[in-house]
Amino acid sequence: MRVALITDDSYPYVKGGTGDWCHRLLHGLDRHTFHLVALCPDARRGEHAYALPPHALLHPLGDRRPAPP
């Protein structure tokens, strides 16, 4: 089964709270393929607080809008 998991500025970039829950979910359901859509600032890309399991595919989406003045 393929599962879409959408996170907002947490997993896999921030330890604790929601990130811990997502990490346990992915590791507990290793027979499923997860498409992890991480809504995060572009600056966070590449800074993972958690190692993703091999059955999880990361699709980071950053906010590319210009910062307000």
C-alpha atoms as a PDB file:
ATOM      1  CA  MET A   1       0.000   0.000   0.000  1.00  0.00           C
ATOM      2  CA  ARG A   2       1.187   3.515  -0.756  1.00  0.00           C
ATOM      3  CA  VAL A   3       0.560   6.188   1.881  1.00  0.00           C
ATOM      4  CA  ALA A   4       0.894   9.976   1.562  1.00  0.00           C
ATOM      5  CA  LEU A   5       2.080  11.626   4.784  1.00  0.00           C
ATOM      6  CA  ILE A   6       2.068  15.434   4.747  1.00  0.00           C
ATOM      7  CA  THR A   7       4.001  17.269   7.449  1.00  0.00           C
ATOM      8  CA  ASP A   8       4.297  20.980   8.096  1.00  0.00           C
ATOM      9  CA  ASP A   9       7.799  22.057   9.065  1.00  0.00           C
ATOM     10  CA  SER A  10       8.338  19.071  11.358  1.00  0.00           C
ATOM     11  CA  TYR A  11       9.248  15.557  10.212  1.00  0.00           C
ATOM     12  CA  PRO A  12      12.004  14.793   9.209  1.00  0.00           C
ATOM     13  CA  TYR A  13      13.550  18.163  10.058  1.00  0.00           C
ATOM     14  CA  VAL A  14      12.661  18.725  13.759  1.00  0.00           C
ATOM     15  CA  LYS A  15      13.126  16.264  16.657  1.00  0.00           C
ATOM     16  CA  GLY A  16      10.370  15.698  19.193  1.00  0.00           C
ATOM     17  CA  GLY A  17       6.585  15.934  19.276  1.00  0.00           C
ATOM     18  CA  THR A  18       5.021  15.317  15.883  1.00  0.00           C
ATOM     19  CA  GLY A  19       8.374  14.287  14.443  1.00  0.00           C
ATOM     20  CA  ASP A  20       8.689  11.418  16.926  1.00  0.00           C
ATOM     21  CA  TRP A  21       5.153  10.244  16.111  1.00  0.00           C
ATOM     22  CA  CYS A  22       5.827  10.296  12.351  1.00  0.00           C
ATOM     23  CA  HIS A  23       9.108   8.452  12.827  1.00  0.00           C
ATOM     24  CA  ARG A  24       7.421   5.682  14.834  1.00  0.00           C
ATOM     25  CA  LEU A  25       4.646   5.451  12.232  1.00  0.00           C
ATOM     26  CA  LEU A  26       7.055   5.023   9.320  1.00  0.00           C
ATOM     27  CA  HIS A  27       9.188   2.467  11.136  1.00  0.00           C
ATOM     28  CA  GLY A  28       6.164   0.565  12.459  1.00  0.00           C
ATOM     29  CA  LEU A  29       4.512   0.191   9.051  1.00  0.00           C
ATOM     30  CA  ASP A  30       7.490  -0.995   7.032  1.00  0.00           C
ATOM     31  CA  ARG A  31       5.358  -3.018   4.608  1.00  0.00           C
ATOM     32  CA  HIS A  32       3.935   0.205   3.156  1.00  0.00           C
ATOM     33  CA  THR A  33       5.570   2.750   0.888  1.00  0.00           C
ATOM     34  CA  PHE A  34       5.346   6.271   2.282  1.00  0.00           C
ATOM     35  CA  HIS A  35       5.431   9.361   0.105  1.00  0.00           C
ATOM     36  CA  LEU A  36       6.433  11.968   2.655  1.00  0.00           C
ATOM     37  CA  VAL A  37       5.475  15.488   1.562  1.00  0.00           C
ATOM     38  CA  ALA A  38       7.320  17.868   3.866  1.00  0.00           C
ATOM     39  CA  LEU A  39       6.183  21.487   3.759  1.00  0.00           C
ATOM     40  CA  CYS A  40       9.280  23.322   4.905  1.00  0.00           C
ATOM     41  CA  PRO A  41      11.291  26.484   4.349  1.00  0.00           C
ATOM     42  CA  ASP A  42      13.898  26.108   1.610  1.00  0.00           C
ATOM     43  CA  ALA A  43      16.637  26.777   4.201  1.00  0.00           C
ATOM     44  CA  ARG A  44      15.820  23.512   6.022  1.00  0.00           C
ATOM     45  CA  ARG A  45      16.267  21.209   3.063  1.00  0.00           C
ATOM     46  CA  GLY A  46      19.055  18.735   3.657  1.00  0.00           C
ATOM     47  CA  GLU A  47      19.049  19.164   7.443  1.00  0.00           C
ATOM     48  CA  HIS A  48      17.348  15.946   8.555  1.00  0.00           C
ATOM     49  CA  ALA A  49      16.922  15.300  12.282  1.00  0.00           C
ATOM     50  CA  TYR A  50      15.724  11.743  11.519  1.00  0.00           C
ATOM     51  CA  ALA A  51      17.113   9.097   9.189  1.00  0.00           C
ATOM     52  CA  LEU A  52      14.355   8.033   6.816  1.00  0.00           C
ATOM     53  CA  PRO A  53      13.715   4.322   6.328  1.00  0.00           C
ATOM     54  CA  PRO A  54      14.252   2.948   2.808  1.00  0.00           C
ATOM     55  CA  HIS A  55      10.487   2.592   2.178  1.00  0.00           C
ATOM     56  CA  ALA A  56       9.915   6.352   2.647  1.00  0.00           C
ATOM     57  CA  LEU A  57      10.297   8.733  -0.295  1.00  0.00           C
ATOM     58  CA  LEU A  58      10.763  12.397   0.602  1.00  0.00           C
ATOM     59  CA  HIS A  59       9.144  15.125  -1.522  1.00  0.00           C
ATOM     60  CA  PRO A  60      10.111  18.458   0.123  1.00  0.00           C
ATOM     61  CA  LEU A  61       8.043  21.502  -0.811  1.00  0.00           C
ATOM     62  CA  GLY A  62       9.479  24.867   0.145  1.00  0.00           C
ATOM     63  CA  ASP A  63       7.974  28.308   0.297  1.00  0.00           C
ATOM     64  CA  ARG A  64       9.418  30.092  -2.714  1.00  0.00           C
ATOM     65  CA  ARG A  65       7.425  33.290  -2.256  1.00  0.00           C
ATOM     66  CA  PRO A  66       9.482  36.414  -1.619  1.00  0.00           C
ATOM     67  CA  ALA A  67       9.685  37.480   2.022  1.00  0.00           C
ATOM     68  CA  PRO A  68       7.434  40.427   2.944  1.00  0.00           C
ATOM     69  CA  PRO A  69       9.213  43.802   3.193  1.00  0.00           C
END
